Amino acid sequence: MKALEVNNLKISYRCHNQIYKYPNFTIGKGECLSIMGASGCGKTTLLNGLYNLNFNGRVKYTTAKLFDADIKSYNKKIYEVVSYLPQYSQSALNPSITIKEHIYHIANGIAKDSEDYLELLQILKLDKDILSLYPHQLSGGMKQRIVLLLGSLKNPQLYVLDEPSTAIDSITLKIILSFLREKKDKGTSMMMVTHDYGFSRLISDEILILGT
């Protein structure tokens, strides 16, 4: 079963004339596709482009043709099935609220069958005391795991990961790798941009190299 299918995809920026063209690809249920290539070849642009309508082509998540939707419908549908984890975890966190407030803010907008955040804390090796802290009080590895926790609350069908192994310690890396492998085993699919070939080999089913 396909989780994501992309055909004839082109992404452009309104501020300049550069157009990125991508090969067709699919990601099956419970599979991970790693996207690699030299800097500037459009890896992160691909991830960002799938969250907007500034592209031409066809993008299909499971049975939903999101490209056929208007912007409002597109955004609603994509956030129901996809969790995006940015390269810099700090950018995904609000510095003025606690971690618990982050969790409640997301949990209020999702279905009742969402993941138990306390269970996720345990799996990601985070102490409950972290709930009362603000983002600036956390280490880089803790922030990365919190962002992963927040993105997992809605039980996504697909994780979109931008450099998940960058700037974190080896212990955090092992925790994240174990978590993602468990999600894969349960049928969650993943699309990951990375420069880390070693990490990619440990979790990917296929590697797509851009710019070749």
Protein backbone atom coordinates (compact mmCIF):
# COMPACT_ATOMS: atom_id res chain seq x y z
CA MET A 1 0.00 0.00 0.00
CA LYS A 2 1.32 3.44 -0.94
CA ALA A 3 1.45 6.14 1.74
CA LEU A 4 2.73 8.89 -0.56
CA GLU A 5 2.95 9.19 -4.33
CA VAL A 6 4.61 12.13 -6.09
CA ASN A 7 4.57 12.59 -9.87
CA ASN A 8 5.91 15.33 -12.18
CA LEU A 9 6.65 17.62 -9.24
CA LYS A 10 8.03 21.12 -9.84
CA ILE A 11 8.52 23.67 -7.06
CA SER A 12 9.27 27.35 -7.56
CA TYR A 13 9.67 30.45 -5.40
CA ARG A 14 7.80 33.61 -6.20
CA CYS A 15 10.80 35.77 -5.24
CA HIS A 16 13.01 34.37 -8.03
CA ASN A 17 12.83 32.30 -11.16
CA GLN A 18 14.51 29.12 -9.95
CA ILE A 19 12.46 25.98 -10.50
CA TYR A 20 13.24 22.64 -8.86
CA LYS A 21 12.19 19.52 -10.75
CA TYR A 22 11.96 16.22 -8.93
CA PRO A 23 11.89 12.58 -10.03
CA ASN A 24 8.73 10.59 -9.43
CA PHE A 25 8.74 8.57 -6.23
CA THR A 26 6.49 6.63 -3.89
CA ILE A 27 6.71 5.68 -0.23
CA GLY A 28 4.95 2.54 0.93
CA LYS A 29 3.21 2.06 4.25
CA GLY A 30 5.80 1.53 6.97
CA GLU A 31 8.68 2.53 4.69
CA CYS A 32 11.28 5.28 5.00
CA LEU A 33 12.64 7.19 2.02
CA SER A 34 15.82 9.20 2.60
CA ILE A 35 16.53 12.16 0.35
CA MET A 36 20.20 13.04 -0.08
CA GLY A 37 22.27 15.29 -2.31
CA ALA A 38 24.59 18.27 -2.35
CA SER A 39 23.64 21.53 -0.65
CA GLY A 40 21.35 23.62 -2.83
CA CYS A 41 19.89 20.73 -4.81
CA GLY A 42 16.40 21.27 -3.36
CA LYS A 43 16.10 18.74 -0.54
CA THR A 44 14.51 21.01 2.06
CA THR A 45 12.62 22.82 -0.70
CA LEU A 46 10.92 19.51 -1.46
CA LEU A 47 9.75 19.12 2.14
CA ASN A 48 8.58 22.72 2.40
CA GLY A 49 6.93 22.68 -1.01
CA LEU A 50 4.67 19.79 -0.11
CA TYR A 51 3.20 21.99 2.61
CA ASN A 52 2.19 24.73 0.19
CA LEU A 53 0.57 25.09 -3.19
CA ASN A 54 3.53 26.66 -4.96
CA PHE A 55 4.15 23.54 -7.01
CA ASN A 56 2.94 21.83 -10.15
CA GLY A 57 2.38 18.12 -10.36
CA ARG A 58 0.43 15.57 -8.41
CA VAL A 59 0.84 14.69 -4.76
CA LYS A 60 -1.26 11.94 -3.25
CA TYR A 61 -1.29 11.05 0.46
CA THR A 62 -2.99 7.67 0.90
CA THR A 63 -6.35 8.11 -0.84
CA ALA A 64 -6.49 11.93 -0.75
CA LYS A 65 -5.43 13.95 -3.79
CA LEU A 66 -4.35 17.00 -1.85
CA PHE A 67 -3.19 18.91 -4.89
CA ASP A 68 -6.79 19.08 -6.13
CA ALA A 69 -7.86 20.93 -2.97
CA ASP A 70 -7.88 24.66 -2.36
CA ILE A 71 -5.35 26.09 0.10
CA LYS A 72 -7.64 25.88 3.15
CA SER A 73 -8.68 22.29 2.45
CA TYR A 74 -5.13 21.31 1.55
CA ASN A 75 -3.69 22.58 4.83
CA LYS A 76 -6.41 20.89 6.86
CA LYS A 77 -5.94 17.54 5.14
CA ILE A 78 -2.17 17.55 5.24
CA TYR A 79 -2.02 18.27 8.96
CA GLU A 80 -4.37 15.37 9.59
CA VAL A 81 -2.03 12.82 8.03
CA VAL A 82 1.48 14.32 8.11
CA SER A 83 3.82 15.51 10.86
CA TYR A 84 6.68 17.78 9.83
CA LEU A 85 9.78 17.94 12.02
CA PRO A 86 12.05 20.86 11.05
CA GLN A 87 15.83 20.78 11.12
CA TYR A 88 15.99 23.32 13.93
CA SER A 89 13.72 22.19 16.75
CA GLN A 90 13.76 25.63 18.37
CA SER A 91 11.78 27.03 15.42
CA ALA A 92 8.90 24.64 16.18
CA LEU A 93 8.56 25.72 19.82
CA ASN A 94 6.93 28.81 21.29
CA PRO A 95 9.42 30.37 23.75
CA SER A 96 6.66 31.97 25.84
CA ILE A 97 4.81 28.80 26.90
CA THR A 98 5.78 25.65 28.79
CA ILE A 99 6.13 22.21 27.27
CA LYS A 100 2.87 21.14 28.90
CA GLU A 101 1.10 24.07 27.26
CA HIS A 102 2.55 23.03 23.91
CA ILE A 103 1.10 19.56 24.41
CA TYR A 104 -2.33 20.80 25.46
CA HIS A 105 -2.48 23.24 22.58
CA ILE A 106 -1.97 20.42 20.09
CA ALA A 107 -4.04 17.82 21.96
CA ASN A 108 -7.11 20.08 22.00
CA GLY A 109 -7.23 20.06 18.23
CA ILE A 110 -6.90 16.33 17.54
CA ALA A 111 -8.94 13.20 17.95
CA LYS A 112 -9.44 11.43 21.24
CA ASP A 113 -7.49 8.39 20.03
CA SER A 114 -4.29 10.44 19.97
CA GLU A 115 -1.12 9.16 21.56
CA ASP A 116 -0.83 9.45 25.33
CA TYR A 117 1.79 12.13 25.90
CA LEU A 118 2.91 10.54 29.17
CA GLU A 119 3.62 7.31 27.34
CA LEU A 120 5.51 9.23 24.68
CA LEU A 121 7.57 10.95 27.37
CA GLN A 122 8.56 7.56 28.71
CA ILE A 123 9.43 6.14 25.30
CA LEU A 124 11.54 9.19 24.47
CA LYS A 125 13.33 9.01 27.84
CA LEU A 126 12.05 12.37 29.08
CA ASP A 127 11.22 13.05 32.72
CA LYS A 128 7.78 14.43 33.60
CA ASP A 129 9.47 17.40 35.28
CA ILE A 130 10.21 18.70 31.79
CA LEU A 131 6.53 19.61 31.38
CA SER A 132 6.87 22.73 33.53
CA LEU A 133 9.92 24.01 31.65
CA TYR A 134 10.19 26.50 28.80
CA PRO A 135 12.03 25.71 25.54
CA HIS A 136 15.07 27.82 26.44
CA GLN A 137 15.58 25.66 29.53
CA LEU A 138 16.04 22.49 27.47
CA SER A 139 19.12 21.06 25.82
CA GLY A 140 19.21 20.61 22.05
CA GLY A 141 18.57 16.89 22.38
CA MET A 142 15.59 17.46 24.66
CA LYS A 143 14.09 19.98 22.25
CA GLN A 144 14.47 17.52 19.40
CA ARG A 145 12.65 14.82 21.35
CA ILE A 146 9.90 17.22 22.44
CA VAL A 147 9.28 18.24 18.83
CA LEU A 148 9.11 14.55 17.92
CA LEU A 149 6.64 13.99 20.77
CA LEU A 150 4.45 16.89 19.63
CA GLY A 151 4.48 15.60 16.08
CA SER A 152 3.43 12.15 17.27
CA LEU A 153 0.37 13.19 19.27
CA LYS A 154 -1.98 12.92 16.29
CA ASN A 155 -0.74 9.48 15.17
CA PRO A 156 0.46 10.67 11.75
CA GLN A 157 0.51 8.40 8.73
CA LEU A 158 3.71 10.04 7.53
CA TYR A 159 6.64 11.76 9.23
CA VAL A 160 8.51 14.36 7.19
CA LEU A 161 11.91 14.80 8.84
CA ASP A 162 14.47 17.48 8.00
CA GLU A 163 17.96 16.46 9.19
CA PRO A 164 16.76 14.60 12.32
CA SER A 165 20.29 13.52 13.30
CA THR A 166 21.91 16.98 13.12
CA ALA A 167 23.49 18.60 16.20
CA ILE A 168 22.37 16.02 18.76
CA ASP A 169 24.35 13.78 21.08
CA SER A 170 24.78 10.05 20.51
CA ILE A 171 22.36 9.08 23.30
CA THR A 172 19.57 11.22 21.85
CA LEU A 173 20.33 9.85 18.40
CA LYS A 174 19.85 6.27 19.63
CA ILE A 175 16.58 7.20 21.34
CA ILE A 176 15.21 8.89 18.21
CA LEU A 177 16.34 6.02 15.99
CA SER A 178 14.66 3.46 18.25
CA PHE A 179 11.46 5.53 18.35
CA LEU A 180 11.29 5.90 14.57
CA ARG A 181 11.98 2.21 13.99
CA GLU A 182 9.13 1.29 16.32
CA LYS A 183 6.81 3.66 14.43
CA LYS A 184 7.87 2.09 11.14
CA ASP A 185 7.13 -1.38 12.48
CA LYS A 186 3.60 -0.18 13.29
CA GLY A 187 3.05 1.05 9.73
CA THR A 188 4.00 4.73 9.88
CA SER A 189 5.83 5.97 6.79
CA MET A 190 8.68 8.48 6.67
CA MET A 191 10.36 10.87 4.27
CA MET A 192 13.67 12.17 5.54
CA VAL A 193 16.19 14.71 4.29
CA THR A 194 19.65 14.00 5.64
CA HIS A 195 23.38 14.41 5.01
CA ASP A 196 24.07 11.55 7.43
CA TYR A 197 24.50 8.45 5.29
CA GLY A 198 25.22 6.28 8.34
CA PHE A 199 21.94 7.26 10.01
CA SER A 200 20.09 6.87 6.73
CA ARG A 201 21.31 3.30 6.29
CA LEU A 202 20.03 2.38 9.73
CA ILE A 203 16.41 3.28 9.01
CA SER A 204 15.82 3.80 5.28
CA ASP A 205 14.28 1.34 2.85
CA GLU A 206 15.33 3.45 -0.12
CA ILE A 207 17.57 6.45 -0.76
CA LEU A 208 16.76 9.10 -3.37
CA ILE A 209 19.79 11.16 -4.39
CA LEU A 210 18.94 14.52 -5.95
CA GLY A 211 21.07 16.43 -8.41
CA THR A 212 22.30 13.38 -10.29
